[in-house]
């Protein structure tokens, strides 16, 4: 019986043949954390260990509340900077880098065949480049800092076979919401999700990052695309060291297989207060909104900003709407400056924010008041996620978000093409 990509990657790290269901202990290639490093440092101190075992594997990105919004967060950032200097951690990115799930790929840490663990639930994003990437807790991160080891149960794999081609106005975000809406937010609990089929190779690296990111909202342990020529091209000049490409064998065992025809998809919207409360755009069109958020680690890449800019060009943000734009990183910010996308968004009346997570988790820069409604391109719409618990969050693609900002109510982007 052949092996899945996940079994191959974890088996290589374990130094033996492994299969789904087996528990293994391995040394990860990358250990990610962000602003929550302040809490992790406290847990690390409790262990009685003076030095981290492998400082070169640790990557810390300040992104959740940047710049610091109050004295507490400022102190947290200060403690992280001091710890980085004390421990000799070379891979530290301060407030001027961007969101960790964009920074790691851009900076060449997310590579095919690598094992990446991170103290953020959307760490599976790096599977877009063929890595095994999964989220872990803060205490677990502290222990991994101390030991350079972690135990994992090798997950079973479900495959999603993609065929056809997106029609105008439909994007990877719509596919992810359709999958979760059809099968529920627990559809892939502790499973690996492989995005495959004849259409998989057509997806841009940005679209793959969106789907791998959203696999966390399926309950997945990890989500991935097999690396191909497009992956390798994107990694040219970025990769930090060698890597080994893996892909699933033709006779690999998949726990389940789902087939989706991209031609049949239409824009989707996740309604409050769960990601799997998904409806086609026609069922919610006309719902007034107060705020629109375009960006975040899910949909803040250049292609996302350009999709929004294509709708905003020659149009204005509705007078009753606040439209916030967050490029996923400073690299994306500069790319969008050069392409003219940011100018179009600014001319339309959008507020361009620095690269960070702020409003997505209700930290700052766009917190919602009671009774307000936001349509966001982020990945979660739980009650109180972006501020007051009596506010509402709808999730959609950047194109749907831009159309909504122009109309002042949830709108079908296909009507603005």
Protein backbone atom coordinates (compact mmCIF):
# COMPACT_ATOMS: atom_id res chain seq x y z
CA UNK A 1 0.00 0.00 0.00
CA UNK A 2 1.31 3.43 -0.95
CA UNK A 3 1.77 6.41 1.35
CA UNK A 4 0.13 9.81 1.58
CA UNK A 5 2.22 12.96 1.58
CA UNK A 6 1.61 13.33 5.31
CA UNK A 7 2.79 9.78 6.04
CA UNK A 8 5.89 10.32 3.93
CA UNK A 9 6.87 13.63 5.54
CA UNK A 10 6.30 12.43 9.10
CA UNK A 11 7.97 9.10 8.35
CA UNK A 12 11.08 10.85 7.07
CA UNK A 13 11.26 12.91 10.24
CA UNK A 14 10.67 9.85 12.44
CA UNK A 15 13.32 7.89 10.56
CA UNK A 16 11.00 4.98 9.88
CA UNK A 17 7.97 3.84 7.91
CA UNK A 18 4.80 5.22 9.53
CA UNK A 19 1.09 4.95 8.85
CA UNK A 20 -2.08 6.77 9.89
CA UNK A 21 -2.97 6.26 13.52
CA UNK A 22 0.59 5.74 14.71
CA UNK A 23 2.01 7.96 17.46
CA UNK A 24 5.54 9.23 16.81
CA UNK A 25 8.07 11.55 18.42
CA UNK A 26 9.96 13.87 16.08
CA UNK A 27 12.12 16.96 15.98
CA UNK A 28 10.29 19.71 14.04
CA UNK A 29 12.00 21.91 11.46
CA UNK A 30 10.31 25.15 12.51
CA UNK A 31 8.62 26.25 15.75
CA UNK A 32 6.43 29.33 15.21
CA UNK A 33 4.97 31.78 17.69
CA UNK A 34 3.83 35.39 17.66
CA UNK A 35 2.64 37.90 20.29
CA UNK A 36 1.60 34.95 22.44
CA UNK A 37 5.33 34.29 22.90
CA UNK A 38 5.02 36.42 26.05
CA UNK A 39 2.79 33.76 27.62
CA UNK A 40 4.94 30.96 26.21
CA UNK A 41 8.03 32.49 27.82
CA UNK A 42 6.30 32.32 31.20
CA UNK A 43 5.57 28.62 30.65
CA UNK A 44 9.15 28.05 29.53
CA UNK A 45 10.49 29.63 32.74
CA UNK A 46 8.38 27.20 34.79
CA UNK A 47 10.23 24.26 33.24
CA UNK A 48 13.45 25.28 34.95
CA UNK A 49 15.35 25.20 31.65
CA UNK A 50 17.68 28.13 31.06
CA UNK A 51 18.23 27.84 27.30
CA UNK A 52 16.06 26.82 24.37
CA UNK A 53 17.37 23.65 22.73
CA UNK A 54 17.41 24.80 19.09
CA UNK A 55 17.18 28.61 18.79
CA UNK A 56 17.71 28.47 15.02
CA UNK A 57 14.39 26.61 14.60
CA UNK A 58 12.34 29.18 16.49
CA UNK A 59 10.58 31.86 14.45
CA UNK A 60 8.77 34.65 16.28
CA UNK A 61 6.66 37.20 14.39
CA UNK A 62 4.97 40.10 16.16
CA UNK A 63 1.69 40.50 14.30
CA UNK A 64 -1.43 40.23 16.46
CA UNK A 65 -1.46 43.64 18.14
CA UNK A 66 1.00 45.79 16.22
CA UNK A 67 1.87 48.45 17.07
CA UNK A 68 0.99 47.73 20.69
CA UNK A 69 -2.49 49.06 21.50
CA UNK A 70 -1.99 49.52 25.24
CA UNK A 71 0.54 49.24 28.05
CA UNK A 72 -0.06 45.50 28.55
CA UNK A 73 0.73 44.63 24.95
CA UNK A 74 3.69 47.00 24.91
CA UNK A 75 5.12 45.18 27.94
CA UNK A 76 4.51 41.81 26.27
CA UNK A 77 6.40 42.93 23.18
CA UNK A 78 9.24 44.23 25.32
CA UNK A 79 9.55 40.88 27.15
CA UNK A 80 9.63 39.04 23.82
CA UNK A 81 12.38 41.26 22.43
CA UNK A 82 14.42 40.74 25.59
CA UNK A 83 13.94 36.95 25.44
CA UNK A 84 14.99 36.86 21.78
CA UNK A 85 18.22 38.69 22.65
CA UNK A 86 18.85 36.54 25.74
CA UNK A 87 18.35 33.25 23.89
CA UNK A 88 20.12 34.23 20.67
CA UNK A 89 17.06 33.54 18.53
CA UNK A 90 18.05 34.68 15.02
CA UNK A 91 14.64 34.54 13.34
CA UNK A 92 12.71 37.38 14.95
CA UNK A 93 10.39 39.65 12.97
CA UNK A 94 9.24 42.79 14.73
CA UNK A 95 6.16 44.90 14.00
CA UNK A 96 7.24 45.86 10.48
CA UNK A 97 7.12 42.41 8.81
CA UNK A 98 3.49 41.35 8.62
CA UNK A 99 1.21 38.48 9.58
CA UNK A 100 3.11 35.31 10.47
CA UNK A 101 1.22 33.10 8.00
CA UNK A 102 2.40 35.31 5.15
CA UNK A 103 5.84 36.11 6.54
CA UNK A 104 6.97 32.49 6.98
CA UNK A 105 6.34 31.55 3.32
CA UNK A 106 7.83 34.81 2.04
CA UNK A 107 10.93 34.41 4.20
CA UNK A 108 11.54 30.85 3.01
CA UNK A 109 10.75 28.90 6.19
CA UNK A 110 7.67 27.13 4.77
CA UNK A 111 9.14 24.54 2.43
CA UNK A 112 8.05 21.23 0.91
CA UNK A 113 8.63 18.25 3.16
CA UNK A 114 9.28 20.33 6.29
CA UNK A 115 7.51 19.82 9.61
CA UNK A 116 6.27 23.10 11.07
CA UNK A 117 4.50 23.46 14.41
CA UNK A 118 3.13 26.76 15.62
CA UNK A 119 1.23 28.27 18.52
CA UNK A 120 -1.49 29.52 16.20
CA UNK A 121 -4.44 27.50 14.95
CA UNK A 122 -3.92 28.58 11.34
CA UNK A 123 -0.42 27.13 11.11
CA UNK A 124 -1.79 24.60 8.55
CA UNK A 125 -1.45 27.47 6.03
CA UNK A 126 2.06 26.27 5.13
CA UNK A 127 0.69 23.07 3.66
CA UNK A 128 0.04 25.22 0.60
CA UNK A 129 3.73 24.68 -0.18
CA UNK A 130 3.78 20.97 0.64
CA UNK A 131 4.87 21.16 4.28
CA UNK A 132 3.31 19.27 7.18
CA UNK A 133 2.17 22.19 9.33
CA UNK A 134 -0.05 22.10 12.39
CA UNK A 135 -1.06 24.23 15.34
CA UNK A 136 -0.09 23.43 18.92
CA UNK A 137 -0.78 24.96 22.34
CA UNK A 138 1.34 27.44 24.25
CA UNK A 139 2.52 24.97 26.91
CA UNK A 140 3.37 22.49 24.16
CA UNK A 141 5.34 25.19 22.38
CA UNK A 142 7.31 25.95 25.54
CA UNK A 143 8.14 22.26 25.94
CA UNK A 144 9.21 22.05 22.29
CA UNK A 145 11.50 25.05 22.81
CA UNK A 146 13.06 23.19 25.73
CA UNK A 147 13.37 19.71 24.18
CA UNK A 148 13.30 20.17 20.40
CA UNK A 149 10.86 17.26 20.36
CA UNK A 150 7.11 16.78 20.01
CA UNK A 151 4.83 13.78 19.72
CA UNK A 152 2.16 13.57 17.05
CA UNK A 153 -0.44 11.07 15.96
CA UNK A 154 -0.15 10.53 12.21
CA UNK A 155 -3.51 11.67 10.84
CA UNK A 156 -5.72 9.86 8.36
CA UNK A 157 -6.10 11.74 5.08
CA UNK A 158 -9.22 12.87 3.25
CA UNK A 159 -8.80 13.96 -0.35
CA UNK A 160 -10.75 16.67 -2.11
CA UNK A 161 -10.69 16.15 -5.86
CA UNK A 162 -11.12 19.40 -7.77
CA UNK A 163 -12.15 19.66 -11.41
CA UNK A 164 -13.32 22.41 -13.73
CA UNK A 165 -12.52 26.10 -13.47
CA UNK A 166 -13.86 29.01 -11.40
CA UNK A 167 -16.29 31.26 -13.21
CA UNK A 168 -15.92 35.04 -12.98
CA UNK A 169 -16.52 36.34 -9.47
CA UNK A 170 -15.76 33.03 -7.75
CA UNK A 171 -12.55 32.38 -5.83
CA UNK A 172 -10.74 29.95 -3.54
CA UNK A 173 -12.45 31.48 -0.49
CA UNK A 174 -15.82 30.54 -1.96
CA UNK A 175 -14.65 26.95 -2.38
CA UNK A 176 -13.46 26.74 1.20
CA UNK A 177 -16.75 28.11 2.52
CA UNK A 178 -18.73 25.75 0.29
CA UNK A 179 -16.78 22.75 1.61
CA UNK A 180 -17.31 23.76 5.24
CA UNK A 181 -20.95 24.63 4.63
CA UNK A 182 -21.66 21.30 2.98
CA UNK A 183 -19.88 19.10 5.50
CA UNK A 184 -19.63 21.10 8.73
CA UNK A 185 -16.85 22.69 10.74
CA UNK A 186 -15.83 19.26 12.09
CA UNK A 187 -15.63 17.60 8.67
CA UNK A 188 -11.91 16.89 8.99
CA UNK A 189 -11.30 16.64 12.74
CA UNK A 190 -7.68 15.51 13.24
CA UNK A 191 -7.47 14.60 9.57
CA UNK A 192 -5.05 15.66 6.89
CA UNK A 193 -6.83 17.30 3.95
CA UNK A 194 -5.26 16.91 0.52
CA UNK A 195 -6.45 19.27 -2.21
CA UNK A 196 -5.94 17.35 -5.43
CA UNK A 197 -7.56 16.50 -8.74
CA UNK A 198 -7.08 17.90 -12.26
CA UNK A 199 -7.83 21.51 -11.21
CA UNK A 200 -5.47 21.61 -8.21
CA UNK A 201 -2.50 22.64 -10.33
CA UNK A 202 -4.40 25.67 -11.64
CA UNK A 203 -4.54 27.24 -8.19
CA UNK A 204 -2.09 30.07 -7.55
CA UNK A 205 0.14 29.85 -4.49
CA UNK A 206 -2.02 32.57 -2.94
CA UNK A 207 -5.20 30.56 -3.52
CA UNK A 208 -3.51 27.48 -2.06
CA UNK A 209 -2.59 29.47 1.04
CA UNK A 210 -6.24 30.47 1.41
CA UNK A 211 -7.45 26.86 1.26
CA UNK A 212 -4.74 25.51 3.55
CA UNK A 213 -5.47 28.35 5.99
CA UNK A 214 -9.18 27.55 5.98
CA UNK A 215 -8.52 23.84 6.52
CA UNK A 216 -8.19 24.82 10.18
CA UNK A 217 -11.88 25.76 10.06
CA UNK A 218 -12.61 22.21 8.89
CA UNK A 219 -10.99 20.88 12.05
CA UNK A 220 -8.04 19.55 10.06
CA UNK A 221 -4.72 18.64 11.64
CA UNK A 222 -3.08 19.79 8.42
CA UNK A 223 -4.16 20.75 4.91
CA UNK A 224 -1.98 20.76 1.82
CA UNK A 225 -1.35 20.80 -1.91
CA UNK A 226 1.33 18.53 -3.34
CA UNK A 227 4.29 20.67 -4.48
CA UNK A 228 4.54 21.21 -8.23
CA UNK A 229 6.40 23.42 -10.70
CA UNK A 230 4.34 26.42 -9.58
CA UNK A 231 5.42 25.82 -5.98
CA UNK A 232 9.08 25.53 -6.89
CA UNK A 233 8.95 28.64 -9.06
CA UNK A 234 7.43 30.66 -6.21
CA UNK A 235 10.14 29.45 -3.83
CA UNK A 236 13.02 30.53 -6.07
CA UNK A 237 15.14 33.02 -4.17
CA UNK A 238 13.18 32.42 -0.96
CA UNK A 239 14.02 28.92 0.29
CA UNK A 240 16.28 28.82 3.33
CA UNK A 241 18.20 25.67 2.60
CA UNK A 242 17.43 22.37 0.86
CA UNK A 243 14.12 20.54 1.01
CA UNK A 244 12.62 17.25 -0.17
CA UNK A 245 9.44 17.27 -2.26
CA UNK A 246 6.86 14.63 -1.40
CA UNK A 247 3.52 13.67 -2.91
CA UNK A 248 0.98 10.96 -2.25
CA UNK A 249 1.43 7.65 -4.05
CA UNK A 250 -1.22 6.63 -6.61
CA UNK A 251 -2.22 3.72 -4.36
CA UNK A 252 -2.17 5.68 -1.10
CA UNK A 253 -5.05 5.02 1.26
CA UNK A 254 -7.47 7.92 1.76
CA UNK A 255 -10.10 7.72 4.45
CA UNK A 256 -12.58 9.55 2.21
CA UNK A 257 -12.71 11.34 -1.13
CA UNK A 258 -14.90 14.32 -1.99
CA UNK A 259 -15.33 15.58 -5.55
CA UNK A 260 -16.06 19.23 -6.40
CA UNK A 261 -16.67 20.81 -9.80
CA UNK A 262 -15.44 24.40 -9.71
CA UNK A 263 -17.69 25.32 -12.66
CA UNK A 264 -20.72 24.72 -10.45
CA UNK A 265 -19.67 27.11 -7.68
CA UNK A 266 -21.09 30.56 -7.01
CA UNK A 267 -20.04 33.15 -4.42
CA UNK A 268 -20.60 31.96 -0.84
CA UNK A 269 -21.10 33.76 2.48
CA UNK A 270 -20.65 32.32 5.98
CA UNK A 271 -23.33 33.84 8.21
CA UNK A 272 -23.20 34.47 11.98
CA UNK A 273 -22.08 32.93 14.23
CA UNK A 274 -20.34 29.85 12.81
CA UNK A 275 -18.11 29.26 9.82
CA UNK A 276 -20.29 26.40 8.60
CA UNK A 277 -23.48 28.51 8.48
CA UNK A 278 -22.88 29.06 4.77
CA UNK A 279 -25.35 30.30 2.18
CA UNK A 280 -25.06 31.23 -1.51
CA UNK A 281 -24.75 34.95 -2.14
CA UNK A 282 -28.33 35.22 -3.40
CA UNK A 283 -29.71 34.12 -0.03
CA UNK A 284 -28.09 36.98 1.89
CA UNK A 285 -27.72 39.74 -0.72
CA UNK A 286 -29.19 43.01 0.46
CA UNK A 287 -28.18 42.67 4.11
CA UNK A 288 -26.93 46.13 5.23
CA UNK A 289 -23.42 46.29 6.74
CA UNK A 290 -21.51 48.86 8.79
CA UNK A 291 -17.97 47.64 8.16
CA UNK A 292 -16.03 45.65 5.57
CA UNK A 293 -12.63 44.12 6.25
CA UNK A 294 -10.43 43.09 3.30
CA UNK A 295 -7.17 41.30 4.05
CA UNK A 296 -5.86 39.18 6.97
CA UNK A 297 -3.82 35.97 6.72
CA UNK A 298 -6.65 34.35 4.75
CA UNK A 299 -7.12 36.88 1.96
CA UNK A 300 -4.54 39.64 2.24
CA UNK A 301 -2.25 38.76 -0.65
CA UNK A 302 -1.65 40.84 -3.77
CA UNK A 303 -4.13 38.88 -5.88
CA UNK A 304 -6.79 39.46 -3.21
CA UNK A 305 -6.18 43.20 -3.07
CA UNK A 306 -6.21 43.36 -6.86
CA UNK A 307 -9.51 41.45 -7.02
CA UNK A 308 -10.99 44.04 -4.70
CA UNK A 309 -9.39 46.91 -6.60
CA UNK A 310 -10.92 45.68 -9.86
CA UNK A 311 -14.37 46.26 -8.35
CA UNK A 312 -13.49 49.53 -6.60
CA UNK A 313 -11.95 51.11 -9.70
CA UNK A 314 -14.05 54.15 -10.58
CA UNK A 315 -16.32 53.56 -7.58
CA UNK A 316 -16.53 54.74 -3.97
CA UNK A 317 -17.09 53.06 -0.64
CA UNK A 318 -20.71 53.56 0.40
CA UNK A 319 -21.18 56.52 2.75
CA UNK A 320 -22.56 54.28 5.49
CA UNK A 321 -19.68 51.80 5.42
CA UNK A 322 -16.19 51.76 6.91
CA UNK A 323 -13.92 49.69 4.66
CA UNK A 324 -10.63 48.53 6.17
CA UNK A 325 -7.81 47.01 4.09
CA UNK A 326 -4.96 45.01 5.63
CA UNK A 327 -2.19 43.69 3.34
CA UNK A 328 -0.94 40.39 4.78
CA UNK A 329 2.67 41.58 4.93
CA UNK A 330 4.87 44.56 4.19
CA UNK A 331 6.08 42.74 1.10
CA UNK A 332 2.49 42.55 -0.13
CA UNK A 333 1.99 46.20 0.88
CA UNK A 334 4.91 47.26 -1.31
CA UNK A 335 3.74 45.04 -4.19
CA UNK A 336 0.27 46.59 -4.00
CA UNK A 337 1.82 50.06 -4.02
CA UNK A 338 3.74 49.22 -7.18
CA UNK A 339 0.77 47.60 -8.91
CA UNK A 340 -1.48 50.56 -8.16
CA UNK A 341 -3.98 48.46 -6.19
CA UNK A 342 -3.52 50.44 -2.98
CA UNK A 343 -4.02 53.73 -4.80
CA UNK A 344 -7.32 52.48 -6.23
CA UNK A 345 -8.45 51.29 -2.79
CA UNK A 346 -7.45 54.56 -1.13
CA UNK A 347 -9.12 56.65 -3.85
CA UNK A 348 -12.30 54.64 -3.31
CA UNK A 349 -12.29 55.63 0.36
CA UNK A 350 -10.82 52.52 1.97
CA UNK A 351 -8.72 52.89 5.12
CA UNK A 352 -5.35 51.20 4.54
CA UNK A 353 -4.00 49.69 7.77
CA UNK A 354 -0.58 48.33 8.61
CA UNK A 355 0.02 44.62 8.14
CA UNK A 356 -1.24 42.83 11.23
CA UNK A 357 -4.11 40.92 12.77
CA UNK A 358 -5.76 43.71 14.82
CA UNK A 359 -9.45 43.76 13.84
CA UNK A 360 -9.59 40.07 12.87
CA UNK A 361 -9.37 39.00 16.52
CA UNK A 362 -11.02 42.08 17.96
CA UNK A 363 -7.79 43.49 19.37
CA UNK A 364 -7.80 46.99 17.85
CA UNK A 365 -8.11 48.96 14.58
CA UNK A 366 -11.72 48.14 13.81
CA UNK A 367 -13.53 46.68 16.81
CA UNK A 368 -17.29 46.33 16.35
CA UNK A 369 -19.94 47.98 18.52
CA UNK A 370 -23.18 46.36 19.68
CA UNK A 371 -25.57 45.74 16.80
CA UNK A 372 -23.02 46.45 14.06
CA UNK A 373 -22.50 44.13 11.11
CA UNK A 374 -19.19 43.39 9.38
CA UNK A 375 -18.45 41.45 6.22
CA UNK A 376 -14.89 40.17 6.41
CA UNK A 377 -12.47 38.15 4.31
CA UNK A 378 -11.01 36.60 7.48
CA UNK A 379 -11.49 33.01 8.62
CA UNK A 380 -13.72 33.20 11.71
CA UNK A 381 -17.08 34.75 12.56
CA UNK A 382 -17.68 33.53 16.12
CA UNK A 383 -19.83 35.67 18.40
CA UNK A 384 -17.72 38.49 19.82
CA UNK A 385 -14.74 37.67 17.61
CA UNK A 386 -14.36 41.25 16.35
CA UNK A 387 -15.66 43.16 19.35
CA UNK A 388 -19.05 43.30 21.02
CA UNK A 389 -20.80 39.95 21.37
CA UNK A 390 -23.95 41.49 19.91
CA UNK A 391 -22.22 42.39 16.65
CA UNK A 392 -22.34 40.09 13.61
CA UNK A 393 -19.66 38.87 11.21
CA UNK A 394 -20.20 37.51 7.69
CA UNK A 395 -17.31 35.88 5.80
CA UNK A 396 -16.73 36.07 2.06
CA UNK A 397 -14.13 36.58 -0.68
CA UNK A 398 -12.33 39.88 -1.34
CA UNK A 399 -14.46 40.42 -4.45
CA UNK A 400 -17.68 39.96 -2.50
CA UNK A 401 -16.29 42.24 0.22
CA UNK A 402 -15.50 45.00 -2.28
CA UNK A 403 -18.93 44.73 -3.91
CA UNK A 404 -20.50 44.92 -0.46
CA UNK A 405 -18.48 48.00 0.51
CA UNK A 406 -19.64 49.78 -2.66
CA UNK A 407 -23.27 48.77 -2.31
CA UNK A 408 -23.53 49.32 1.44
CA UNK A 409 -25.12 45.89 1.72
CA UNK A 410 -24.04 42.34 0.94
CA UNK A 411 -23.73 42.21 -2.83
CA UNK A 412 -22.88 39.73 -5.60
CA UNK A 413 -19.48 40.62 -7.12
CA UNK A 414 -20.59 39.26 -10.47
CA UNK A 415 -22.87 42.28 -10.80
CA UNK A 416 -19.81 44.58 -10.64
CA UNK A 417 -17.64 42.82 -13.20
